[in-house]
Amino acid sequence: MKVEFLVNTDINDGRQIFIQEAEFKKAKNDKEEYNSFAFSTNCLFAFYGLSEDFIRPDEYEKILSALEKGGAVIITVVEEKYPRRVYPEVFVSNNNKLKRVQL
C-alpha cells in the first residue's frame, strides 16, 4: 500500500498519513496490504509514544465505510498537554470535503 507521510500541514500538529481511496481499499481483502497499512499507522503513533498502537481491523472498516470513490484518508494524532492524552484522529476527504471519522 502506498501511503504518504506529510508534515507542516494544517491539521493538528501538521504530521499525518495521507492515503488515496484506491490504495486504502487494497487492504480490504489482502492481509499483506492491511499489514502494510497497520505498520504505517504504528510508525506514526510511535512518534508520539504509542508504540503498541495501530488502526485495528474494526476501525479500518469504519474508515472504509465513510470513504467514497476518489476520496482520501487522513490519519493524524492529537496530543493534549494537561493532562497528557494522545489519540489518533481520522478524516476522510470526499469531494474535497473533510469529515471526521469516529473510531
N, C-alpha and C. Protein backbone atom coordinates (compact mmCIF):
# COMPACT_ATOMS: atom_id res chain seq x y z
N MET A 1 0.84 -1.18 0.00
CA MET A 1 0.00 0.00 0.00
C MET A 1 0.88 1.24 0.00
N LYS A 2 0.55 2.18 -0.84
CA LYS A 2 1.29 3.43 -0.91
C LYS A 2 0.65 4.44 0.03
N VAL A 3 1.42 4.90 1.00
CA VAL A 3 0.97 5.95 1.92
C VAL A 3 1.96 7.10 1.86
N GLU A 4 1.48 8.29 2.14
CA GLU A 4 2.35 9.46 2.18
C GLU A 4 2.39 9.97 3.61
N PHE A 5 3.58 10.17 4.13
CA PHE A 5 3.75 10.81 5.43
C PHE A 5 3.94 12.30 5.15
N LEU A 6 3.06 13.12 5.69
CA LEU A 6 3.11 14.56 5.46
C LEU A 6 3.50 15.29 6.74
N VAL A 7 4.16 16.43 6.57
CA VAL A 7 4.49 17.31 7.69
C VAL A 7 4.12 18.73 7.29
N ASN A 8 4.00 19.59 8.30
CA ASN A 8 3.69 21.00 8.08
C ASN A 8 2.36 21.22 7.39
N THR A 9 1.35 20.45 7.77
CA THR A 9 0.01 20.64 7.23
C THR A 9 -0.84 21.36 8.27
N ASP A 10 -2.07 21.65 7.93
CA ASP A 10 -2.92 22.46 8.80
C ASP A 10 -3.71 21.67 9.84
N ILE A 11 -3.67 20.37 9.82
CA ILE A 11 -4.45 19.57 10.77
C ILE A 11 -3.56 19.19 11.96
N ASN A 12 -4.04 19.46 13.16
CA ASN A 12 -3.33 19.18 14.41
C ASN A 12 -1.92 19.75 14.37
N ASP A 13 -0.90 18.94 14.69
CA ASP A 13 0.47 19.47 14.72
C ASP A 13 1.15 19.42 13.35
N GLY A 14 0.42 19.00 12.33
CA GLY A 14 0.96 19.01 10.97
C GLY A 14 1.50 17.69 10.48
N ARG A 15 1.60 16.70 11.34
CA ARG A 15 2.10 15.38 10.92
C ARG A 15 0.91 14.47 10.65
N GLN A 16 0.94 13.80 9.50
CA GLN A 16 -0.18 12.92 9.17
C GLN A 16 0.19 11.91 8.10
N ILE A 17 -0.68 10.94 7.96
CA ILE A 17 -0.58 9.95 6.89
C ILE A 17 -1.72 10.26 5.93
N PHE A 18 -1.42 10.24 4.63
CA PHE A 18 -2.40 10.51 3.59
C PHE A 18 -2.46 9.30 2.67
N ILE A 19 -3.66 8.75 2.45
CA ILE A 19 -3.82 7.55 1.62
C ILE A 19 -4.97 7.78 0.64
N GLN A 20 -4.71 7.61 -0.63
CA GLN A 20 -5.76 7.71 -1.66
C GLN A 20 -6.74 6.55 -1.51
N GLU A 21 -7.96 6.77 -1.92
CA GLU A 21 -9.04 5.77 -1.79
C GLU A 21 -8.68 4.43 -2.43
N ALA A 22 -8.14 4.44 -3.63
CA ALA A 22 -7.80 3.20 -4.33
C ALA A 22 -6.75 2.40 -3.55
N GLU A 23 -5.78 3.09 -2.98
CA GLU A 23 -4.75 2.42 -2.19
C GLU A 23 -5.34 1.88 -0.88
N PHE A 24 -6.18 2.68 -0.24
CA PHE A 24 -6.77 2.28 1.03
C PHE A 24 -7.63 1.02 0.87
N LYS A 25 -8.37 0.95 -0.21
CA LYS A 25 -9.26 -0.20 -0.44
C LYS A 25 -8.50 -1.49 -0.72
N LYS A 26 -7.23 -1.41 -1.09
CA LYS A 26 -6.44 -2.62 -1.33
C LYS A 26 -6.38 -3.50 -0.09
N ALA A 27 -6.44 -2.90 1.09
CA ALA A 27 -6.31 -3.65 2.33
C ALA A 27 -7.58 -4.40 2.72
N LYS A 28 -8.66 -4.15 2.03
CA LYS A 28 -9.94 -4.78 2.40
C LYS A 28 -9.88 -6.30 2.33
N ASN A 29 -9.29 -6.83 1.28
CA ASN A 29 -9.27 -8.29 1.09
C ASN A 29 -7.86 -8.86 0.97
N ASP A 30 -6.87 -8.09 1.35
CA ASP A 30 -5.48 -8.53 1.22
C ASP A 30 -4.75 -8.30 2.53
N LYS A 31 -4.42 -9.39 3.20
CA LYS A 31 -3.78 -9.30 4.52
C LYS A 31 -2.45 -8.56 4.47
N GLU A 32 -1.66 -8.78 3.42
CA GLU A 32 -0.37 -8.10 3.30
C GLU A 32 -0.56 -6.59 3.16
N GLU A 33 -1.56 -6.18 2.40
CA GLU A 33 -1.84 -4.75 2.26
C GLU A 33 -2.31 -4.16 3.59
N TYR A 34 -3.15 -4.90 4.31
CA TYR A 34 -3.59 -4.41 5.62
C TYR A 34 -2.39 -4.29 6.57
N ASN A 35 -1.51 -5.28 6.56
CA ASN A 35 -0.32 -5.23 7.43
C ASN A 35 0.55 -4.02 7.10
N SER A 36 0.66 -3.69 5.82
CA SER A 36 1.41 -2.51 5.42
C SER A 36 0.75 -1.25 5.98
N PHE A 37 -0.57 -1.18 5.89
CA PHE A 37 -1.33 -0.05 6.44
C PHE A 37 -1.14 0.02 7.96
N ALA A 38 -1.28 -1.11 8.65
CA ALA A 38 -1.13 -1.13 10.11
C ALA A 38 0.27 -0.69 10.51
N PHE A 39 1.29 -1.13 9.77
CA PHE A 39 2.66 -0.74 10.05
C PHE A 39 2.84 0.77 9.92
N SER A 40 2.26 1.36 8.88
CA SER A 40 2.41 2.81 8.69
C SER A 40 1.73 3.58 9.83
N THR A 41 0.57 3.12 10.28
CA THR A 41 -0.08 3.81 11.40
C THR A 41 0.71 3.61 12.69
N ASN A 42 1.28 2.43 12.87
CA ASN A 42 2.11 2.17 14.04
C ASN A 42 3.33 3.09 14.06
N CYS A 43 3.93 3.32 12.91
CA CYS A 43 5.09 4.23 12.83
C CYS A 43 4.70 5.65 13.22
N LEU A 44 3.56 6.12 12.74
CA LEU A 44 3.11 7.46 13.10
C LEU A 44 2.82 7.54 14.59
N PHE A 45 2.11 6.57 15.13
CA PHE A 45 1.74 6.59 16.54
C PHE A 45 2.95 6.47 17.44
N ALA A 46 3.97 5.71 17.02
CA ALA A 46 5.19 5.54 17.82
C ALA A 46 5.91 6.88 18.00
N PHE A 47 5.80 7.77 17.04
CA PHE A 47 6.41 9.09 17.15
C PHE A 47 5.88 9.83 18.39
N TYR A 48 4.66 9.50 18.79
CA TYR A 48 4.01 10.14 19.94
C TYR A 48 4.06 9.27 21.20
N GLY A 49 4.80 8.19 21.15
CA GLY A 49 4.93 7.32 22.32
C GLY A 49 3.91 6.21 22.40
N LEU A 50 3.11 6.03 21.34
CA LEU A 50 2.10 4.97 21.31
C LEU A 50 2.65 3.78 20.52
N SER A 51 3.74 3.21 20.99
CA SER A 51 4.48 2.21 20.21
C SER A 51 3.73 0.90 20.00
N GLU A 52 2.71 0.63 20.78
CA GLU A 52 1.96 -0.62 20.63
C GLU A 52 0.62 -0.42 19.93
N ASP A 53 0.37 0.76 19.40
CA ASP A 53 -0.93 1.06 18.83
C ASP A 53 -0.88 1.13 17.30
N PHE A 54 -2.01 0.81 16.67
CA PHE A 54 -2.19 0.91 15.23
C PHE A 54 -3.69 0.91 14.96
N ILE A 55 -4.09 1.21 13.72
CA ILE A 55 -5.51 1.16 13.36
C ILE A 55 -5.91 -0.31 13.21
N ARG A 56 -6.83 -0.75 14.04
CA ARG A 56 -7.25 -2.15 14.07
C ARG A 56 -8.27 -2.45 12.96
N PRO A 57 -8.49 -3.73 12.64
CA PRO A 57 -9.41 -4.08 11.54
C PRO A 57 -10.81 -3.49 11.68
N ASP A 58 -11.38 -3.47 12.88
CA ASP A 58 -12.72 -2.91 13.03
C ASP A 58 -12.71 -1.40 12.78
N GLU A 59 -11.64 -0.72 13.16
CA GLU A 59 -11.50 0.71 12.90
C GLU A 59 -11.28 0.96 11.40
N TYR A 60 -10.51 0.08 10.77
CA TYR A 60 -10.32 0.16 9.32
C TYR A 60 -11.66 0.11 8.61
N GLU A 61 -12.54 -0.81 9.02
CA GLU A 61 -13.86 -0.95 8.41
C GLU A 61 -14.70 0.31 8.58
N LYS A 62 -14.62 0.96 9.74
CA LYS A 62 -15.35 2.21 9.96
C LYS A 62 -14.86 3.30 8.99
N ILE A 63 -13.56 3.37 8.82
CA ILE A 63 -12.99 4.36 7.89
C ILE A 63 -13.44 4.05 6.47
N LEU A 64 -13.36 2.77 6.10
CA LEU A 64 -13.73 2.34 4.75
C LEU A 64 -15.18 2.68 4.44
N SER A 65 -16.07 2.51 5.41
CA SER A 65 -17.49 2.78 5.18
C SER A 65 -17.76 4.27 4.96
N ALA A 66 -16.89 5.15 5.45
CA ALA A 66 -17.08 6.59 5.28
C ALA A 66 -16.40 7.13 4.01
N LEU A 67 -15.58 6.31 3.39
CA LEU A 67 -14.78 6.73 2.24
C LEU A 67 -15.54 6.53 0.94
N GLU A 68 -15.56 7.56 0.08
CA GLU A 68 -16.22 7.48 -1.21
C GLU A 68 -15.19 7.36 -2.33
N LYS A 69 -15.67 6.96 -3.50
CA LYS A 69 -14.79 6.80 -4.66
C LYS A 69 -14.08 8.12 -4.96
N GLY A 70 -12.77 8.04 -5.15
CA GLY A 70 -11.97 9.21 -5.45
C GLY A 70 -11.55 10.01 -4.22
N GLY A 71 -11.94 9.56 -3.04
CA GLY A 71 -11.61 10.26 -1.81
C GLY A 71 -10.23 9.92 -1.29
N ALA A 72 -9.99 10.30 -0.05
CA ALA A 72 -8.70 10.03 0.58
C ALA A 72 -8.89 9.92 2.08
N VAL A 73 -7.95 9.26 2.73
CA VAL A 73 -7.94 9.09 4.18
C VAL A 73 -6.78 9.89 4.75
N ILE A 74 -7.05 10.61 5.82
CA ILE A 74 -6.01 11.37 6.52
C ILE A 74 -6.01 10.92 7.97
N ILE A 75 -4.86 10.45 8.43
CA ILE A 75 -4.73 9.98 9.81
C ILE A 75 -3.70 10.87 10.51
N THR A 76 -4.07 11.39 11.65
CA THR A 76 -3.21 12.27 12.41
C THR A 76 -3.33 11.92 13.89
N VAL A 77 -2.58 12.60 14.72
CA VAL A 77 -2.60 12.33 16.16
C VAL A 77 -2.84 13.64 16.90
N VAL A 78 -3.72 13.56 17.90
CA VAL A 78 -3.98 14.69 18.78
C VAL A 78 -3.18 14.48 20.04
N GLU A 79 -2.45 15.51 20.45
CA GLU A 79 -1.65 15.42 21.67
C GLU A 79 -2.07 16.56 22.60
N GLU A 80 -2.83 16.20 23.63
CA GLU A 80 -3.26 17.17 24.62
C GLU A 80 -2.23 17.22 25.74
N LYS A 81 -1.97 18.40 26.26
CA LYS A 81 -0.89 18.58 27.23
C LYS A 81 -1.32 18.34 28.68
N TYR A 82 -2.46 18.87 29.09
CA TYR A 82 -2.84 18.79 30.51
C TYR A 82 -4.25 18.26 30.66
N PRO A 83 -4.49 17.08 31.16
CA PRO A 83 -3.47 16.04 31.39
C PRO A 83 -3.02 15.48 30.04
N ARG A 84 -1.83 14.88 30.03
CA ARG A 84 -1.29 14.38 28.77
C ARG A 84 -2.17 13.24 28.25
N ARG A 85 -2.68 13.44 27.07
CA ARG A 85 -3.54 12.45 26.42
C ARG A 85 -3.20 12.48 24.94
N VAL A 86 -2.99 11.30 24.36
CA VAL A 86 -2.62 11.18 22.96
C VAL A 86 -3.56 10.16 22.32
N TYR A 87 -4.16 10.54 21.18
CA TYR A 87 -5.07 9.62 20.50
C TYR A 87 -5.12 9.94 19.00
N PRO A 88 -5.41 8.92 18.19
CA PRO A 88 -5.49 9.15 16.74
C PRO A 88 -6.77 9.88 16.36
N GLU A 89 -6.68 10.62 15.28
CA GLU A 89 -7.85 11.29 14.71
C GLU A 89 -7.83 11.00 13.21
N VAL A 90 -8.98 10.57 12.68
CA VAL A 90 -9.05 10.15 11.29
C VAL A 90 -10.09 10.99 10.55
N PHE A 91 -9.72 11.40 9.34
CA PHE A 91 -10.62 12.15 8.48
C PHE A 91 -10.69 11.45 7.13
N VAL A 92 -11.82 11.60 6.45
CA VAL A 92 -11.92 11.22 5.05
C VAL A 92 -12.20 12.50 4.27
N SER A 93 -11.64 12.59 3.11
CA SER A 93 -11.89 13.71 2.22
C SER A 93 -12.65 13.16 1.03
N ASN A 94 -13.93 13.50 0.96
CA ASN A 94 -14.79 13.09 -0.15
C ASN A 94 -15.23 14.35 -0.88
N ASN A 95 -14.94 14.44 -2.18
CA ASN A 95 -15.28 15.62 -2.97
C ASN A 95 -14.73 16.89 -2.33
N ASN A 96 -13.52 16.80 -1.82
CA ASN A 96 -12.82 17.93 -1.18
C ASN A 96 -13.53 18.46 0.06
N LYS A 97 -14.33 17.62 0.68
CA LYS A 97 -14.97 17.97 1.95
C LYS A 97 -14.43 17.04 3.02
N LEU A 98 -13.89 17.64 4.07
CA LEU A 98 -13.26 16.89 5.15
C LEU A 98 -14.31 16.47 6.17
N LYS A 99 -14.30 15.18 6.53
CA LYS A 99 -15.25 14.65 7.50
C LYS A 99 -14.48 13.81 8.52
N ARG A 100 -14.70 14.06 9.78
CA ARG A 100 -14.04 13.29 10.85
C ARG A 100 -14.73 11.94 10.99
N VAL A 101 -13.94 10.88 11.15
CA VAL A 101 -14.47 9.54 11.35
C VAL A 101 -14.33 9.19 12.82
N GLN A 102 -15.43 8.87 13.46
CA GLN A 102 -15.42 8.49 14.87
C GLN A 102 -15.00 7.04 14.99
N LEU A 103 -13.84 6.81 15.61
CA LEU A 103 -13.37 5.43 15.82
C LEU A 103 -13.93 4.94 17.12
